[in-house]
Amino acid sequence: MSGPYILLQFGSDPFDYKLEDLEGRPAFTMYVEGTPNVVMHIAREAEWRQQHTTIMGPDNSFLYFGPERMPGYMVYGNGAQQPMTSSLRKKDSSGSRFFTSQSGKELKWKITPQRMECSDGRTSVATWELSQPEDMFHARLTVKAAGMPIVTEVMTTLALNRMASELGWNLE
């Protein structure tokens, strides 16, 4: 199958939730480790990863928060540290946030209260949408085939954008 791939988000806390595919396989798990220094671990689950051979990059990312859950730094796998804010850049007054993938490609999250869409400027790579009240899950993430090679980066920047909104980070 070449996509799109649907992942259902269970849990509304941006620091603690999981995503499963439509067959119920765990795809990603997000959880917090450590106190008082908060570290969020975003883990791509092995069973789901084995189903999708086009995925590149690390299986994990880590978000290291500053005091009072302010933006700190992030790491993909065993890679170099980078400021969280580098993946939440604004370029204009549109409300969109930009990040650069590990391969050097610039992508953009268009953000509205009910929906976020990630694109590479021309092509949508992923869309996150809140569910309807009758749904048993909190949100739905649709990842297009073009987003699969960078799905860990998509998940990490989606989590950062949700946290920035929830925590009211001033990122001007």
C-alpha atoms as a PDB file:
ATOM      1  CA  MET A   1       0.000   0.000   0.000  1.00  0.00           C
ATOM      2  CA  SER A   2       1.361   3.443  -0.888  1.00  0.00           C
ATOM      3  CA  GLY A   3      -0.747   5.548   1.462  1.00  0.00           C
ATOM      4  CA  PRO A   4      -2.254   7.616   2.721  1.00  0.00           C
ATOM      5  CA  TYR A   5      -1.706   6.124   6.149  1.00  0.00           C
ATOM      6  CA  ILE A   6      -4.213   6.842   8.904  1.00  0.00           C
ATOM      7  CA  LEU A   7      -3.135   6.961  12.541  1.00  0.00           C
ATOM      8  CA  LEU A   8      -5.632   7.435  15.362  1.00  0.00           C
ATOM      9  CA  GLN A   9      -4.533   9.437  18.391  1.00  0.00           C
ATOM     10  CA  PHE A  10      -5.625   8.168  21.795  1.00  0.00           C
ATOM     11  CA  GLY A  11      -5.251  10.730  24.569  1.00  0.00           C
ATOM     12  CA  SER A  12      -5.538  14.514  24.447  1.00  0.00           C
ATOM     13  CA  ASP A  13      -2.582  15.460  26.674  1.00  0.00           C
ATOM     14  CA  PRO A  14       0.149  16.696  24.288  1.00  0.00           C
ATOM     15  CA  PHE A  15       2.749  15.151  26.638  1.00  0.00           C
ATOM     16  CA  ASP A  16       1.220  11.694  26.936  1.00  0.00           C
ATOM     17  CA  TYR A  17      -0.589   9.934  24.099  1.00  0.00           C
ATOM     18  CA  LYS A  18      -0.259   7.172  21.547  1.00  0.00           C
ATOM     19  CA  LEU A  19      -1.119   6.694  17.898  1.00  0.00           C
ATOM     20  CA  GLU A  20      -2.313   3.441  16.365  1.00  0.00           C
ATOM     21  CA  ASP A  21      -2.967   2.452  12.773  1.00  0.00           C
ATOM     22  CA  LEU A  22      -6.404   1.282  11.665  1.00  0.00           C
ATOM     23  CA  GLU A  23      -5.443  -2.336  12.416  1.00  0.00           C
ATOM     24  CA  GLY A  24      -4.755  -1.405  16.058  1.00  0.00           C
ATOM     25  CA  ARG A  25      -0.951  -1.640  15.785  1.00  0.00           C
ATOM     26  CA  PRO A  26       0.853   0.899  17.989  1.00  0.00           C
ATOM     27  CA  ALA A  27       2.642   3.350  15.669  1.00  0.00           C
ATOM     28  CA  PHE A  28       3.990   6.072  17.989  1.00  0.00           C
ATOM     29  CA  THR A  29       4.039   6.589  21.726  1.00  0.00           C
ATOM     30  CA  MET A  30       4.700   9.941  23.395  1.00  0.00           C
ATOM     31  CA  TYR A  31       5.470  10.060  27.082  1.00  0.00           C
ATOM     32  CA  VAL A  32       7.336  12.112  29.660  1.00  0.00           C
ATOM     33  CA  GLU A  33      10.366  10.877  31.576  1.00  0.00           C
ATOM     34  CA  GLY A  34      12.003  12.541  34.536  1.00  0.00           C
ATOM     35  CA  THR A  35      11.214  15.238  37.033  1.00  0.00           C
ATOM     36  CA  PRO A  36      11.926  18.034  37.670  1.00  0.00           C
ATOM     37  CA  ASN A  37      13.710  18.158  34.293  1.00  0.00           C
ATOM     38  CA  VAL A  38      11.067  17.064  31.795  1.00  0.00           C
ATOM     39  CA  VAL A  39      12.113  14.952  28.819  1.00  0.00           C
ATOM     40  CA  MET A  40       9.503  13.820  26.310  1.00  0.00           C
ATOM     41  CA  HIS A  41      10.251  10.647  24.392  1.00  0.00           C
ATOM     42  CA  ILE A  42       8.609  10.168  20.982  1.00  0.00           C
ATOM     43  CA  ALA A  43       9.011   6.530  19.985  1.00  0.00           C
ATOM     44  CA  ARG A  44       8.153   4.917  16.654  1.00  0.00           C
ATOM     45  CA  GLU A  45       6.973   1.426  17.542  1.00  0.00           C
ATOM     46  CA  ALA A  46       8.805  -1.573  16.050  1.00  0.00           C
ATOM     47  CA  GLU A  47       5.763  -3.528  14.859  1.00  0.00           C
ATOM     48  CA  TRP A  48       4.449  -0.551  12.864  1.00  0.00           C
ATOM     49  CA  ARG A  49       7.904   0.439  11.605  1.00  0.00           C
ATOM     50  CA  GLN A  50       8.421  -3.047  10.157  1.00  0.00           C
ATOM     51  CA  GLN A  51       5.268  -2.601   8.061  1.00  0.00           C
ATOM     52  CA  HIS A  52       6.650   0.555   6.384  1.00  0.00           C
ATOM     53  CA  THR A  53      10.048   0.136   4.760  1.00  0.00           C
ATOM     54  CA  THR A  54      10.122   3.650   3.218  1.00  0.00           C
ATOM     55  CA  ILE A  55      10.623   5.268   6.613  1.00  0.00           C
ATOM     56  CA  MET A  56      14.069   6.793   6.992  1.00  0.00           C
ATOM     57  CA  GLY A  57      15.747   8.426   9.935  1.00  0.00           C
ATOM     58  CA  PRO A  58      15.724   7.616  13.620  1.00  0.00           C
ATOM     59  CA  ASP A  59      13.047   5.673  15.476  1.00  0.00           C
ATOM     60  CA  ASN A  60      13.030   8.123  18.379  1.00  0.00           C
ATOM     61  CA  SER A  61      13.220  11.780  19.182  1.00  0.00           C
ATOM     62  CA  PHE A  62      13.667  13.431  22.549  1.00  0.00           C
ATOM     63  CA  LEU A  63      12.428  16.843  23.679  1.00  0.00           C
ATOM     64  CA  TYR A  64      14.360  18.321  26.610  1.00  0.00           C
ATOM     65  CA  PHE A  65      12.370  21.113  28.270  1.00  0.00           C
ATOM     66  CA  GLY A  66      13.597  24.134  30.138  1.00  0.00           C
ATOM     67  CA  PRO A  67      12.168  25.347  33.465  1.00  0.00           C
ATOM     68  CA  GLU A  68       8.362  25.297  33.696  1.00  0.00           C
ATOM     69  CA  ARG A  69       8.132  23.348  30.402  1.00  0.00           C
ATOM     70  CA  MET A  70       9.533  26.212  28.372  1.00  0.00           C
ATOM     71  CA  PRO A  71      11.213  25.371  25.030  1.00  0.00           C
ATOM     72  CA  GLY A  72      14.574  23.694  25.419  1.00  0.00           C
ATOM     73  CA  TYR A  73      16.276  21.524  22.854  1.00  0.00           C
ATOM     74  CA  MET A  74      15.516  18.398  20.862  1.00  0.00           C
ATOM     75  CA  VAL A  75      17.447  15.435  19.502  1.00  0.00           C
ATOM     76  CA  TYR A  76      16.565  12.980  16.727  1.00  0.00           C
ATOM     77  CA  GLY A  77      17.928   9.564  17.670  1.00  0.00           C
ATOM     78  CA  ASN A  78      21.568  10.011  18.666  1.00  0.00           C
ATOM     79  CA  GLY A  79      21.944  13.162  16.562  1.00  0.00           C
ATOM     80  CA  ALA A  80      23.001  16.664  17.474  1.00  0.00           C
ATOM     81  CA  GLN A  81      21.016  18.917  19.777  1.00  0.00           C
ATOM     82  CA  GLN A  82      18.972  21.673  18.201  1.00  0.00           C
ATOM     83  CA  PRO A  83      16.751  24.318  19.799  1.00  0.00           C
ATOM     84  CA  MET A  84      13.055  23.412  19.826  1.00  0.00           C
ATOM     85  CA  THR A  85      12.306  26.881  18.523  1.00  0.00           C
ATOM     86  CA  SER A  86      14.206  26.100  15.298  1.00  0.00           C
ATOM     87  CA  SER A  87      11.317  23.765  14.404  1.00  0.00           C
ATOM     88  CA  LEU A  88       8.665  26.369  15.270  1.00  0.00           C
ATOM     89  CA  ARG A  89       9.846  29.270  13.089  1.00  0.00           C
ATOM     90  CA  LYS A  90       7.411  31.892  11.816  1.00  0.00           C
ATOM     91  CA  LYS A  91       8.076  33.735   8.577  1.00  0.00           C
ATOM     92  CA  ASP A  92       4.982  35.886   8.289  1.00  0.00           C
ATOM     93  CA  SER A  93       1.727  36.747  10.043  1.00  0.00           C
ATOM     94  CA  SER A  94      -0.120  33.706   8.642  1.00  0.00           C
ATOM     95  CA  GLY A  95       0.343  31.632  11.798  1.00  0.00           C
ATOM     96  CA  SER A  96       2.211  28.921   9.894  1.00  0.00           C
ATOM     97  CA  ARG A  97       5.309  27.437  11.473  1.00  0.00           C
ATOM     98  CA  PHE A  98       8.320  26.197   9.526  1.00  0.00           C
ATOM     99  CA  PHE A  99      10.941  23.523  10.157  1.00  0.00           C
ATOM    100  CA  THR A 100      13.813  22.035   8.206  1.00  0.00           C
ATOM    101  CA  SER A 101      13.983  18.264   7.882  1.00  0.00           C
ATOM    102  CA  GLN A 102      17.197  16.394   8.576  1.00  0.00           C
ATOM    103  CA  SER A 103      17.674  16.124   4.804  1.00  0.00           C
ATOM    104  CA  GLY A 104      17.571  19.935   4.494  1.00  0.00           C
ATOM    105  CA  LYS A 105      14.070  20.299   3.050  1.00  0.00           C
ATOM    106  CA  GLU A 106      11.907  23.118   4.465  1.00  0.00           C
ATOM    107  CA  LEU A 107       8.380  22.182   5.504  1.00  0.00           C
ATOM    108  CA  LYS A 108       5.492  24.182   6.912  1.00  0.00           C
ATOM    109  CA  TRP A 109       2.709  23.474   9.396  1.00  0.00           C
ATOM    110  CA  LYS A 110      -0.451  25.477   8.657  1.00  0.00           C
ATOM    111  CA  ILE A 111      -2.200  25.684  12.020  1.00  0.00           C
ATOM    112  CA  THR A 112      -5.854  26.210  12.896  1.00  0.00           C
ATOM    113  CA  PRO A 113      -7.603  25.286  16.176  1.00  0.00           C
ATOM    114  CA  GLN A 114      -9.145  22.066  14.784  1.00  0.00           C
ATOM    115  CA  ARG A 115      -6.605  21.098  12.143  1.00  0.00           C
ATOM    116  CA  MET A 116      -2.901  21.235  11.239  1.00  0.00           C
ATOM    117  CA  GLU A 117      -1.502  20.509   7.802  1.00  0.00           C
ATOM    118  CA  CYS A 118       2.171  19.878   7.020  1.00  0.00           C
ATOM    119  CA  SER A 119       3.389  20.560   3.482  1.00  0.00           C
ATOM    120  CA  ASP A 120       6.640  20.951   1.610  1.00  0.00           C
ATOM    121  CA  GLY A 121       5.340  24.081  -0.135  1.00  0.00           C
ATOM    122  CA  ARG A 122       3.596  22.244  -2.963  1.00  0.00           C
ATOM    123  CA  THR A 123       2.494  18.901  -1.562  1.00  0.00           C
ATOM    124  CA  SER A 124       0.654  18.038   1.642  1.00  0.00           C
ATOM    125  CA  VAL A 125       2.614  15.396   3.563  1.00  0.00           C
ATOM    126  CA  ALA A 126       0.400  15.066   6.673  1.00  0.00           C
ATOM    127  CA  THR A 127      -2.839  16.361   8.179  1.00  0.00           C
ATOM    128  CA  TRP A 128      -3.839  16.235  11.854  1.00  0.00           C
ATOM    129  CA  GLU A 129      -7.524  16.786  12.692  1.00  0.00           C
ATOM    130  CA  LEU A 130      -9.452  16.699  15.947  1.00  0.00           C
ATOM    131  CA  SER A 131     -12.077  13.973  16.056  1.00  0.00           C
ATOM    132  CA  GLN A 132     -15.844  14.294  16.284  1.00  0.00           C
ATOM    133  CA  PRO A 133     -17.518  13.915  19.709  1.00  0.00           C
ATOM    134  CA  GLU A 134     -18.853  10.444  18.826  1.00  0.00           C
ATOM    135  CA  ASP A 135     -15.364   9.117  17.935  1.00  0.00           C
ATOM    136  CA  MET A 136     -13.488   6.971  20.441  1.00  0.00           C
ATOM    137  CA  PHE A 137     -10.170   8.650  19.606  1.00  0.00           C
ATOM    138  CA  HIS A 138      -8.978  12.237  20.138  1.00  0.00           C
ATOM    139  CA  ALA A 139      -7.599  13.020  16.669  1.00  0.00           C
ATOM    140  CA  ARG A 140      -6.705  11.523  13.312  1.00  0.00           C
ATOM    141  CA  LEU A 141      -3.351  11.909  11.568  1.00  0.00           C
ATOM    142  CA  THR A 142      -3.232  11.216   7.847  1.00  0.00           C
ATOM    143  CA  VAL A 143       0.300  10.750   6.520  1.00  0.00           C
ATOM    144  CA  LYS A 144       0.673  10.794   2.746  1.00  0.00           C
ATOM    145  CA  ALA A 145       3.273   8.628   1.002  1.00  0.00           C
ATOM    146  CA  ALA A 146       5.505  11.726   0.649  1.00  0.00           C
ATOM    147  CA  GLY A 147       5.529  12.096   4.447  1.00  0.00           C
ATOM    148  CA  MET A 148       6.528   8.533   5.319  1.00  0.00           C
ATOM    149  CA  PRO A 149      10.307   8.943   4.889  1.00  0.00           C
ATOM    150  CA  ILE A 150      10.221  11.809   7.437  1.00  0.00           C
ATOM    151  CA  VAL A 151       7.386  10.570   9.643  1.00  0.00           C
ATOM    152  CA  THR A 152       9.426  10.855  12.874  1.00  0.00           C
ATOM    153  CA  GLU A 153      10.152  14.509  12.063  1.00  0.00           C
ATOM    154  CA  VAL A 154       6.489  15.085  11.206  1.00  0.00           C
ATOM    155  CA  MET A 155       5.436  13.552  14.539  1.00  0.00           C
ATOM    156  CA  THR A 156       8.040  15.518  16.492  1.00  0.00           C
ATOM    157  CA  THR A 157       7.125  18.878  14.985  1.00  0.00           C
ATOM    158  CA  LEU A 158       3.406  18.130  15.317  1.00  0.00           C
ATOM    159  CA  ALA A 159       3.965  17.447  19.030  1.00  0.00           C
ATOM    160  CA  LEU A 160       5.976  20.682  19.376  1.00  0.00           C
ATOM    161  CA  ASN A 161       3.243  22.735  17.718  1.00  0.00           C
ATOM    162  CA  ARG A 162       0.568  21.195  19.945  1.00  0.00           C
ATOM    163  CA  MET A 163       2.667  21.908  23.048  1.00  0.00           C
ATOM    164  CA  ALA A 164       3.428  25.471  21.963  1.00  0.00           C
ATOM    165  CA  SER A 165      -0.303  26.086  21.607  1.00  0.00           C
ATOM    166  CA  GLU A 166      -1.258  24.332  24.846  1.00  0.00           C
ATOM    167  CA  LEU A 167       1.449  26.021  26.911  1.00  0.00           C
ATOM    168  CA  GLY A 168       1.116  29.430  25.287  1.00  0.00           C
ATOM    169  CA  TRP A 169       4.726  29.735  24.198  1.00  0.00           C
ATOM    170  CA  ASN A 170       5.445  33.207  22.797  1.00  0.00           C
ATOM    171  CA  LEU A 171       7.431  32.368  19.674  1.00  0.00           C
ATOM    172  CA  GLU A 172       7.369  35.667  17.815  1.00  0.00           C
END
